[in-house]
């Protein structure tokens, strides 16, 4: 028999959802049941070093199992499962890097020089009548850094002020 949507208790639903959210891991990845993915993600640099040194996947899986990393219901981690998880984690990292690169390449998110350090307006009004300029945020580090929402808003506001002053 289907549940009547009107019979849902909104307060209980909110309480249960908050409790369930608090129990979830902070990472923005899917549900991790055994923690193997989390362990592989944390140990990926070491795993890569071991592989570069010629250590086999089976030996790495055995060593991780000895430290308590298991698959399923306490079964030791296998080389096949380890390679699958490493491949999955590397694909997630690659997709994340591609998304960030696409975001950095977006022309609508570039920071204009005026938004970073606005020049004082040239007016004939006394300084007390001129509105105080908005404090500029420092430029994001690096040549391909992306603008924050605040910087985008400030740039838009600065452009609006400039447009209104011309009128």
Protein backbone atom coordinates (compact mmCIF):
# COMPACT_ATOMS: atom_id res chain seq x y z
CA UNK A 1 0.00 0.00 0.00
CA UNK A 2 1.63 3.34 -1.05
CA UNK A 3 2.33 5.91 1.62
CA UNK A 4 0.09 8.94 1.59
CA UNK A 5 2.35 12.00 1.03
CA UNK A 6 0.13 14.00 3.38
CA UNK A 7 0.97 11.62 6.22
CA UNK A 8 4.68 12.60 6.23
CA UNK A 9 5.76 14.40 9.38
CA UNK A 10 7.88 17.34 8.11
CA UNK A 11 9.65 17.86 11.43
CA UNK A 12 10.60 14.19 11.69
CA UNK A 13 11.68 14.16 8.04
CA UNK A 14 13.95 17.17 8.62
CA UNK A 15 15.38 15.65 11.83
CA UNK A 16 16.00 12.26 10.19
CA UNK A 17 17.57 13.85 7.09
CA UNK A 18 19.90 15.98 9.24
CA UNK A 19 20.93 12.93 11.26
CA UNK A 20 21.57 10.90 8.09
CA UNK A 21 23.58 13.78 6.59
CA UNK A 22 25.70 14.07 9.75
CA UNK A 23 26.56 10.36 9.50
CA UNK A 24 27.72 10.63 5.86
CA UNK A 25 31.40 11.22 5.10
CA UNK A 26 32.36 14.80 4.25
CA UNK A 27 33.74 13.84 0.83
CA UNK A 28 31.49 14.64 -2.11
CA UNK A 29 31.74 11.09 -3.38
CA UNK A 30 29.13 8.39 -3.26
CA UNK A 31 28.37 6.03 -0.42
CA UNK A 32 31.42 4.15 0.84
CA UNK A 33 30.45 0.95 2.57
CA UNK A 34 33.77 -0.58 3.65
CA UNK A 35 36.17 2.37 3.52
CA UNK A 36 38.41 0.71 0.93
CA UNK A 37 37.93 3.57 -1.53
CA UNK A 38 38.73 6.13 1.17
CA UNK A 39 41.86 4.19 2.15
CA UNK A 40 42.99 3.86 -1.47
CA UNK A 41 42.31 7.57 -2.10
CA UNK A 42 44.42 8.51 0.94
CA UNK A 43 47.19 6.07 0.06
CA UNK A 44 47.25 6.64 -3.69
CA UNK A 45 50.58 8.53 -3.75
CA UNK A 46 52.27 5.71 -1.84
CA UNK A 47 50.61 3.08 -4.03
CA UNK A 48 51.93 4.88 -7.12
CA UNK A 49 55.45 5.01 -5.63
CA UNK A 50 55.34 1.29 -4.81
CA UNK A 51 54.16 0.46 -8.34
CA UNK A 52 56.96 2.61 -9.80
CA UNK A 53 59.41 0.67 -7.63
CA UNK A 54 58.15 -2.61 -9.14
CA UNK A 55 55.96 -3.85 -6.26
CA UNK A 56 53.09 -6.02 -7.54
CA UNK A 57 49.42 -5.23 -7.06
CA UNK A 58 49.02 -8.47 -5.11
CA UNK A 59 51.75 -7.49 -2.63
CA UNK A 60 50.22 -4.03 -2.15
CA UNK A 61 46.75 -5.54 -1.65
CA UNK A 62 48.15 -8.03 0.88
CA UNK A 63 49.93 -5.23 2.77
CA UNK A 64 46.78 -3.12 2.86
CA UNK A 65 44.77 -6.11 4.11
CA UNK A 66 47.33 -6.60 6.89
CA UNK A 67 46.60 -3.01 7.97
CA UNK A 68 42.86 -3.68 8.17
CA UNK A 69 41.68 -2.60 4.72
CA UNK A 70 39.20 -5.28 3.69
CA UNK A 71 36.58 -5.73 1.02
CA UNK A 72 33.06 -6.82 1.78
CA UNK A 73 32.48 -8.53 5.10
CA UNK A 74 36.09 -8.74 6.29
CA UNK A 75 37.49 -10.52 3.25
CA UNK A 76 41.08 -9.63 2.39
CA UNK A 77 41.60 -7.09 -0.37
CA UNK A 78 42.51 -8.71 -3.70
CA UNK A 79 44.79 -7.35 -6.40
CA UNK A 80 41.88 -7.28 -8.85
CA UNK A 81 39.72 -5.23 -6.48
CA UNK A 82 42.62 -2.90 -5.65
CA UNK A 83 43.36 -2.18 -9.31
CA UNK A 84 39.65 -1.54 -9.95
CA UNK A 85 39.46 0.95 -7.07
CA UNK A 86 42.70 2.68 -8.10
CA UNK A 87 41.37 3.01 -11.65
CA UNK A 88 38.09 4.40 -10.32
CA UNK A 89 39.81 6.94 -8.04
CA UNK A 90 42.16 8.06 -10.82
CA UNK A 91 39.18 8.51 -13.18
CA UNK A 92 37.40 10.61 -10.54
CA UNK A 93 40.50 12.78 -10.10
CA UNK A 94 40.87 13.16 -13.87
CA UNK A 95 37.20 14.18 -14.27
CA UNK A 96 37.53 16.66 -11.41
CA UNK A 97 40.64 18.21 -13.02
CA UNK A 98 38.84 18.43 -16.39
CA UNK A 99 35.84 20.15 -14.77
CA UNK A 100 38.13 22.65 -13.05
CA UNK A 101 40.01 23.29 -16.31
CA UNK A 102 36.73 23.92 -18.16
CA UNK A 103 35.66 26.28 -15.39
CA UNK A 104 38.95 28.20 -15.53
CA UNK A 105 38.58 28.51 -19.30
CA UNK A 106 35.14 30.13 -19.06
CA UNK A 107 35.40 33.76 -20.20
CA UNK A 108 32.51 34.85 -17.98
CA UNK A 109 34.51 33.95 -14.85
CA UNK A 110 37.66 35.90 -15.59
CA UNK A 111 38.55 38.72 -13.25
CA UNK A 112 38.86 42.18 -14.74
CA UNK A 113 41.78 44.30 -13.48
CA UNK A 114 39.30 46.95 -12.28
CA UNK A 115 37.58 44.41 -10.04
CA UNK A 116 40.81 43.53 -8.29
CA UNK A 117 42.14 47.02 -7.67
CA UNK A 118 39.67 49.74 -8.61
CA UNK A 119 41.28 53.06 -9.39
CA UNK A 120 39.94 56.02 -7.44
CA UNK A 121 37.26 57.88 -9.41
CA UNK A 122 38.24 61.20 -10.94
CA UNK A 123 35.52 63.57 -9.76
CA UNK A 124 35.21 67.21 -8.92
CA UNK A 125 33.21 66.46 -5.78
CA UNK A 126 34.81 66.94 -2.38
CA UNK A 127 36.11 63.71 -0.81
CA UNK A 128 33.37 63.74 1.82
CA UNK A 129 30.65 63.64 -0.88
CA UNK A 130 32.24 60.80 -2.83
CA UNK A 131 31.09 57.33 -1.73
CA UNK A 132 33.85 55.18 -0.30
CA UNK A 133 35.14 52.65 -2.83
CA UNK A 134 34.53 49.00 -2.10
CA UNK A 135 37.57 47.29 -0.63
CA UNK A 136 39.27 45.19 -3.28
CA UNK A 137 39.98 41.54 -2.66
CA UNK A 138 43.47 40.34 -3.48
CA UNK A 139 43.92 38.66 -6.83
CA UNK A 140 43.64 34.88 -6.79
CA UNK A 141 47.03 33.16 -7.00
CA UNK A 142 48.30 31.83 -10.29
CA UNK A 143 47.76 32.88 -13.90
CA UNK A 144 44.77 30.59 -14.53
CA UNK A 145 43.00 31.19 -11.23
CA UNK A 146 39.25 31.62 -11.35
CA UNK A 147 37.26 34.44 -9.84
CA UNK A 148 35.11 33.94 -6.80
CA UNK A 149 31.45 34.85 -6.80
CA UNK A 150 32.26 37.88 -4.64
CA UNK A 151 34.85 39.11 -7.17
CA UNK A 152 32.38 38.65 -10.02
CA UNK A 153 29.73 40.63 -8.13
CA UNK A 154 32.22 43.37 -7.30
CA UNK A 155 33.31 43.60 -10.95
CA UNK A 156 29.69 43.91 -12.03
CA UNK A 157 29.05 46.60 -9.42
CA UNK A 158 32.17 48.46 -10.50
CA UNK A 159 31.07 48.35 -14.15
CA UNK A 160 27.63 49.63 -13.13
CA UNK A 161 29.17 52.52 -11.17
CA UNK A 162 31.33 53.39 -14.18
CA UNK A 163 28.31 53.28 -16.49
CA UNK A 164 26.24 55.52 -14.23
CA UNK A 165 29.06 58.06 -13.87
CA UNK A 166 29.23 58.47 -17.65
CA UNK A 167 25.54 59.50 -17.77
